N, C-alpha and C. Protein backbone atom coordinates (compact mmCIF):
# COMPACT_ATOMS: atom_id res chain seq x y z
N MET A 1 0.82 -1.19 0.00
CA MET A 1 0.00 0.00 0.00
C MET A 1 0.86 1.26 0.00
N ASN A 2 1.97 1.27 0.72
CA ASN A 2 2.86 2.43 0.76
C ASN A 2 3.46 2.73 -0.61
N ILE A 3 3.71 1.69 -1.39
CA ILE A 3 4.27 1.89 -2.73
C ILE A 3 3.26 2.59 -3.61
N LYS A 4 1.99 2.22 -3.52
CA LYS A 4 0.95 2.86 -4.32
C LYS A 4 0.84 4.34 -3.97
N ILE A 5 0.91 4.65 -2.69
CA ILE A 5 0.84 6.05 -2.26
C ILE A 5 2.05 6.83 -2.76
N ALA A 6 3.23 6.23 -2.68
CA ALA A 6 4.45 6.89 -3.14
C ALA A 6 4.39 7.15 -4.64
N VAL A 7 3.89 6.18 -5.40
CA VAL A 7 3.77 6.35 -6.86
C VAL A 7 2.75 7.46 -7.17
N ALA A 8 1.62 7.45 -6.47
CA ALA A 8 0.61 8.47 -6.70
C ALA A 8 1.14 9.86 -6.37
N LEU A 9 1.84 9.98 -5.25
CA LEU A 9 2.41 11.29 -4.88
C LEU A 9 3.45 11.76 -5.89
N SER A 10 4.28 10.86 -6.38
CA SER A 10 5.29 11.26 -7.36
C SER A 10 4.64 11.71 -8.66
N LEU A 11 3.54 11.05 -9.06
CA LEU A 11 2.82 11.49 -10.26
C LEU A 11 2.20 12.87 -10.07
N ILE A 12 1.64 13.10 -8.90
CA ILE A 12 1.04 14.41 -8.61
C ILE A 12 2.12 15.50 -8.61
N LEU A 13 3.25 15.22 -7.99
CA LEU A 13 4.34 16.20 -7.97
C LEU A 13 4.86 16.48 -9.37
N THR A 14 4.94 15.46 -10.20
CA THR A 14 5.39 15.65 -11.58
C THR A 14 4.44 16.56 -12.34
N MET A 15 3.13 16.35 -12.13
CA MET A 15 2.15 17.21 -12.80
C MET A 15 2.28 18.65 -12.35
N PHE A 16 2.45 18.88 -11.05
CA PHE A 16 2.59 20.25 -10.54
C PHE A 16 3.86 20.90 -11.04
N ASN A 17 4.95 20.17 -11.13
CA ASN A 17 6.21 20.72 -11.64
C ASN A 17 6.06 21.13 -13.10
N ALA A 18 5.39 20.33 -13.89
CA ALA A 18 5.19 20.66 -15.30
C ALA A 18 4.27 21.86 -15.44
N TRP A 19 3.25 21.94 -14.59
CA TRP A 19 2.30 23.03 -14.66
C TRP A 19 2.94 24.35 -14.23
N GLY A 20 3.81 24.28 -13.24
CA GLY A 20 4.42 25.49 -12.70
C GLY A 20 5.71 25.89 -13.39
N ALA A 21 6.11 25.17 -14.42
CA ALA A 21 7.37 25.47 -15.11
C ALA A 21 7.29 26.86 -15.74
N THR A 22 8.35 27.61 -15.62
CA THR A 22 8.39 28.94 -16.19
C THR A 22 9.20 28.92 -17.48
N GLU A 23 8.91 29.86 -18.33
CA GLU A 23 9.61 29.95 -19.61
C GLU A 23 10.96 30.62 -19.40
N GLN A 24 12.02 29.95 -19.81
CA GLN A 24 13.37 30.46 -19.65
C GLN A 24 13.67 31.53 -20.71
N SER A 25 14.45 32.52 -20.35
CA SER A 25 14.84 33.57 -21.30
C SER A 25 15.71 32.98 -22.40
N SER A 26 15.56 33.51 -23.60
CA SER A 26 16.38 33.07 -24.72
C SER A 26 17.79 33.63 -24.54
N LEU A 27 18.74 33.06 -25.25
CA LEU A 27 20.13 33.49 -25.12
C LEU A 27 20.48 34.64 -26.06
N THR A 28 19.51 35.14 -26.78
CA THR A 28 19.73 36.16 -27.80
C THR A 28 20.44 37.41 -27.28
N CYS A 29 20.09 37.88 -26.11
CA CYS A 29 20.58 39.18 -25.62
C CYS A 29 21.71 39.08 -24.60
N GLN A 30 22.38 37.94 -24.51
CA GLN A 30 23.45 37.80 -23.52
C GLN A 30 24.58 38.80 -23.73
N GLY A 31 24.98 39.02 -24.95
CA GLY A 31 26.05 39.99 -25.24
C GLY A 31 25.65 41.39 -24.83
N SER A 32 24.41 41.74 -25.05
CA SER A 32 23.91 43.06 -24.65
C SER A 32 23.97 43.22 -23.14
N ALA A 33 23.69 42.15 -22.41
CA ALA A 33 23.71 42.22 -20.95
C ALA A 33 25.12 42.53 -20.43
N ILE A 34 26.13 41.95 -21.04
CA ILE A 34 27.51 42.22 -20.61
C ILE A 34 27.88 43.68 -20.89
N ARG A 35 27.54 44.17 -22.07
CA ARG A 35 27.84 45.57 -22.42
C ARG A 35 27.08 46.53 -21.49
N ASP A 36 25.80 46.24 -21.27
CA ASP A 36 24.99 47.12 -20.43
C ASP A 36 25.40 47.05 -18.96
N ALA A 37 25.92 45.91 -18.52
CA ALA A 37 26.40 45.80 -17.14
C ALA A 37 27.58 46.73 -16.90
N LYS A 38 28.48 46.79 -17.84
CA LYS A 38 29.64 47.70 -17.73
C LYS A 38 29.15 49.16 -17.67
N LYS A 39 28.19 49.50 -18.53
CA LYS A 39 27.66 50.87 -18.56
C LYS A 39 26.96 51.21 -17.23
N LEU A 40 26.13 50.28 -16.74
CA LEU A 40 25.39 50.54 -15.51
C LEU A 40 26.32 50.71 -14.32
N LEU A 41 27.31 49.84 -14.21
CA LEU A 41 28.24 49.93 -13.09
C LEU A 41 29.09 51.20 -13.20
N SER A 42 29.46 51.58 -14.40
CA SER A 42 30.22 52.83 -14.59
C SER A 42 29.39 54.04 -14.19
N PHE A 43 28.12 54.03 -14.56
CA PHE A 43 27.23 55.13 -14.18
C PHE A 43 27.01 55.15 -12.67
N TYR A 44 26.80 53.98 -12.10
CA TYR A 44 26.50 53.85 -10.68
C TYR A 44 27.68 54.30 -9.82
N ARG A 45 28.88 54.06 -10.27
CA ARG A 45 30.07 54.41 -9.48
C ARG A 45 31.00 55.39 -10.19
N ASP A 46 30.43 56.28 -10.98
CA ASP A 46 31.14 57.41 -11.56
C ASP A 46 32.44 57.02 -12.28
N ASN A 47 32.33 56.04 -13.19
CA ASN A 47 33.44 55.63 -14.07
C ASN A 47 34.71 55.21 -13.33
N ASP A 48 34.57 54.53 -12.23
CA ASP A 48 35.73 54.01 -11.49
C ASP A 48 36.53 53.09 -12.40
N ASP A 49 37.85 53.26 -12.46
CA ASP A 49 38.68 52.48 -13.38
C ASP A 49 38.92 51.05 -12.90
N ARG A 50 38.44 50.69 -11.73
CA ARG A 50 38.63 49.32 -11.20
C ARG A 50 37.43 48.41 -11.50
N ILE A 51 36.51 48.86 -12.34
CA ILE A 51 35.31 48.10 -12.65
C ILE A 51 35.65 46.88 -13.50
N SER A 52 35.06 45.75 -13.11
CA SER A 52 35.13 44.55 -13.96
C SER A 52 33.76 43.87 -13.92
N VAL A 53 33.44 43.18 -15.01
CA VAL A 53 32.15 42.51 -15.14
C VAL A 53 32.40 41.07 -15.57
N ASP A 54 31.71 40.13 -14.92
CA ASP A 54 31.80 38.73 -15.31
C ASP A 54 31.35 38.55 -16.75
N LYS A 55 31.96 37.63 -17.44
CA LYS A 55 31.53 37.29 -18.80
C LYS A 55 30.38 36.28 -18.76
N LYS A 56 30.15 35.68 -17.58
CA LYS A 56 29.07 34.71 -17.43
C LYS A 56 27.77 35.46 -17.20
N VAL A 57 26.80 35.17 -18.03
CA VAL A 57 25.46 35.76 -17.91
C VAL A 57 24.47 34.62 -17.74
N THR A 58 23.65 34.72 -16.72
CA THR A 58 22.67 33.67 -16.43
C THR A 58 21.29 34.10 -16.90
N PRO A 59 20.70 33.35 -17.84
CA PRO A 59 19.32 33.66 -18.23
C PRO A 59 18.36 33.20 -17.14
N LEU A 60 17.44 34.06 -16.77
CA LEU A 60 16.44 33.75 -15.75
C LEU A 60 15.08 33.55 -16.42
N ALA A 61 14.06 33.35 -15.63
CA ALA A 61 12.71 33.18 -16.16
C ALA A 61 12.22 34.48 -16.78
N LYS A 62 11.50 34.36 -17.89
CA LYS A 62 10.92 35.54 -18.53
C LYS A 62 9.88 36.16 -17.61
N ILE A 63 9.66 37.45 -17.77
CA ILE A 63 8.60 38.14 -17.04
C ILE A 63 7.66 38.81 -18.03
N LYS A 64 6.42 39.00 -17.60
CA LYS A 64 5.44 39.67 -18.47
C LYS A 64 5.66 41.17 -18.46
N ASN A 65 5.42 41.76 -19.60
CA ASN A 65 5.42 43.22 -19.71
C ASN A 65 4.23 43.73 -18.89
N PRO A 66 4.45 44.59 -17.90
CA PRO A 66 3.33 45.05 -17.07
C PRO A 66 2.28 45.84 -17.86
N GLN A 67 2.67 46.38 -18.99
CA GLN A 67 1.73 47.16 -19.81
C GLN A 67 0.97 46.29 -20.81
N ASN A 68 1.57 45.16 -21.22
CA ASN A 68 0.96 44.29 -22.22
C ASN A 68 1.28 42.83 -21.87
N ALA A 69 0.35 42.14 -21.28
CA ALA A 69 0.58 40.77 -20.80
C ALA A 69 0.89 39.79 -21.92
N MET A 70 0.64 40.17 -23.16
CA MET A 70 0.96 39.29 -24.29
C MET A 70 2.45 39.31 -24.62
N GLN A 71 3.17 40.30 -24.14
CA GLN A 71 4.60 40.42 -24.39
C GLN A 71 5.38 39.97 -23.17
N LYS A 72 6.55 39.37 -23.43
CA LYS A 72 7.40 38.92 -22.33
C LYS A 72 8.81 39.48 -22.52
N PHE A 73 9.44 39.75 -21.39
CA PHE A 73 10.81 40.26 -21.39
C PHE A 73 11.75 39.13 -20.97
N ASP A 74 12.89 39.05 -21.66
CA ASP A 74 13.97 38.16 -21.24
C ASP A 74 14.70 38.81 -20.08
N VAL A 75 15.10 38.04 -19.10
CA VAL A 75 15.80 38.55 -17.93
C VAL A 75 17.15 37.85 -17.80
N PHE A 76 18.20 38.65 -17.61
CA PHE A 76 19.56 38.13 -17.48
C PHE A 76 20.20 38.67 -16.21
N GLU A 77 21.03 37.84 -15.61
CA GLU A 77 21.73 38.24 -14.39
C GLU A 77 23.23 38.08 -14.61
N THR A 78 23.98 39.07 -14.16
CA THR A 78 25.44 39.00 -14.21
C THR A 78 25.99 39.73 -12.99
N TRP A 79 27.28 39.58 -12.77
CA TRP A 79 27.93 40.16 -11.59
C TRP A 79 29.01 41.13 -12.03
N GLY A 80 29.16 42.19 -11.24
CA GLY A 80 30.21 43.17 -11.47
C GLY A 80 30.96 43.42 -10.18
N TYR A 81 32.18 43.95 -10.34
CA TYR A 81 33.05 44.16 -9.18
C TYR A 81 33.76 45.50 -9.30
N ILE A 82 33.92 46.16 -8.17
CA ILE A 82 34.76 47.35 -8.07
C ILE A 82 35.58 47.19 -6.80
N TYR A 83 36.87 47.03 -6.97
CA TYR A 83 37.78 46.80 -5.86
C TYR A 83 37.26 45.65 -5.02
N LYS A 84 36.75 45.89 -3.80
CA LYS A 84 36.23 44.80 -2.97
C LYS A 84 34.70 44.71 -3.04
N GLY A 85 34.07 45.58 -3.80
CA GLY A 85 32.61 45.58 -3.89
C GLY A 85 32.12 44.57 -4.91
N LYS A 86 30.97 43.97 -4.61
CA LYS A 86 30.36 42.96 -5.47
C LYS A 86 28.93 43.41 -5.76
N TYR A 87 28.52 43.38 -7.03
CA TYR A 87 27.23 43.90 -7.44
C TYR A 87 26.50 42.88 -8.32
N ARG A 88 25.25 42.59 -7.95
CA ARG A 88 24.41 41.75 -8.81
C ARG A 88 23.58 42.67 -9.69
N MET A 89 23.59 42.39 -10.98
CA MET A 89 22.83 43.20 -11.91
C MET A 89 21.90 42.32 -12.72
N ARG A 90 20.70 42.81 -12.92
CA ARG A 90 19.71 42.11 -13.75
C ARG A 90 19.20 43.06 -14.81
N PHE A 91 19.04 42.52 -16.00
CA PHE A 91 18.60 43.31 -17.15
C PHE A 91 17.40 42.65 -17.80
N MET A 92 16.41 43.47 -18.20
CA MET A 92 15.22 42.99 -18.87
C MET A 92 15.23 43.52 -20.30
N TYR A 93 15.08 42.61 -21.25
CA TYR A 93 15.10 42.97 -22.67
C TYR A 93 13.85 42.46 -23.37
N TYR A 94 13.42 43.22 -24.35
CA TYR A 94 12.40 42.74 -25.28
C TYR A 94 13.17 42.25 -26.49
N SER A 95 13.35 40.95 -26.57
CA SER A 95 14.24 40.40 -27.60
C SER A 95 13.62 40.37 -28.98
N ASP A 96 12.31 40.58 -29.09
CA ASP A 96 11.68 40.59 -30.41
C ASP A 96 12.06 41.84 -31.21
N VAL A 97 12.59 42.86 -30.54
CA VAL A 97 12.99 44.10 -31.21
C VAL A 97 14.44 44.40 -30.84
N ASP A 98 15.38 43.72 -31.48
CA ASP A 98 16.82 43.99 -31.33
C ASP A 98 17.28 44.16 -29.89
N CYS A 99 16.89 43.30 -29.00
CA CYS A 99 17.33 43.36 -27.60
C CYS A 99 17.11 44.75 -27.01
N LEU A 100 15.90 45.21 -27.07
CA LEU A 100 15.53 46.51 -26.54
C LEU A 100 15.56 46.46 -25.02
N LEU A 101 16.44 47.25 -24.40
CA LEU A 101 16.58 47.27 -22.95
C LEU A 101 15.35 47.94 -22.34
N MET A 102 14.63 47.19 -21.48
CA MET A 102 13.41 47.70 -20.89
C MET A 102 13.54 47.97 -19.40
N GLY A 103 14.54 47.38 -18.76
CA GLY A 103 14.70 47.60 -17.33
C GLY A 103 16.03 47.06 -16.85
N GLU A 104 16.48 47.59 -15.71
CA GLU A 104 17.73 47.15 -15.13
C GLU A 104 17.68 47.37 -13.62
N GLU A 105 18.39 46.53 -12.90
CA GLU A 105 18.48 46.73 -11.46
C GLU A 105 19.88 46.37 -11.02
N ILE A 106 20.31 46.99 -9.94
CA ILE A 106 21.64 46.73 -9.41
C ILE A 106 21.51 46.63 -7.88
N LEU A 107 22.20 45.66 -7.33
CA LEU A 107 22.17 45.44 -5.88
C LEU A 107 23.58 45.17 -5.42
N GLU A 108 24.04 45.98 -4.48
CA GLU A 108 25.37 45.77 -3.92
C GLU A 108 25.28 44.70 -2.82
N TYR A 109 26.15 43.72 -2.90
CA TYR A 109 26.21 42.69 -1.87
C TYR A 109 27.14 43.17 -0.77
N ALA A 110 26.62 43.25 0.43
CA ALA A 110 27.41 43.74 1.55
C ALA A 110 26.93 43.12 2.84
N ASN A 111 27.84 42.94 3.75
CA ASN A 111 27.52 42.47 5.09
C ASN A 111 27.59 43.67 6.01
N LEU A 112 26.43 44.22 6.35
CA LEU A 112 26.38 45.47 7.12
C LEU A 112 26.34 45.21 8.61
């Protein structure tokens, strides 16, 4: 009887995982994310010459355009550094129109 319950639970979990799966961002705008990360960090810290940006860009789940739910934005995350500072940056692009930058965020990682 325990095996039947375990099989039933695993089938239910599989269905929920498939239902809740999010659409991953396409890789189209990864190069734009690296270029824009350098620009954002330079703007944020007044062109500090110690700025560096990771070449690794992680595509995240797409998000809906708040103005038009039929459109989705690709979201990318990358990391930047200035001396001992570490910054997480995320960029939102509308990839259907030449990687149009629609949003950006920056968060400094710090132990306060």
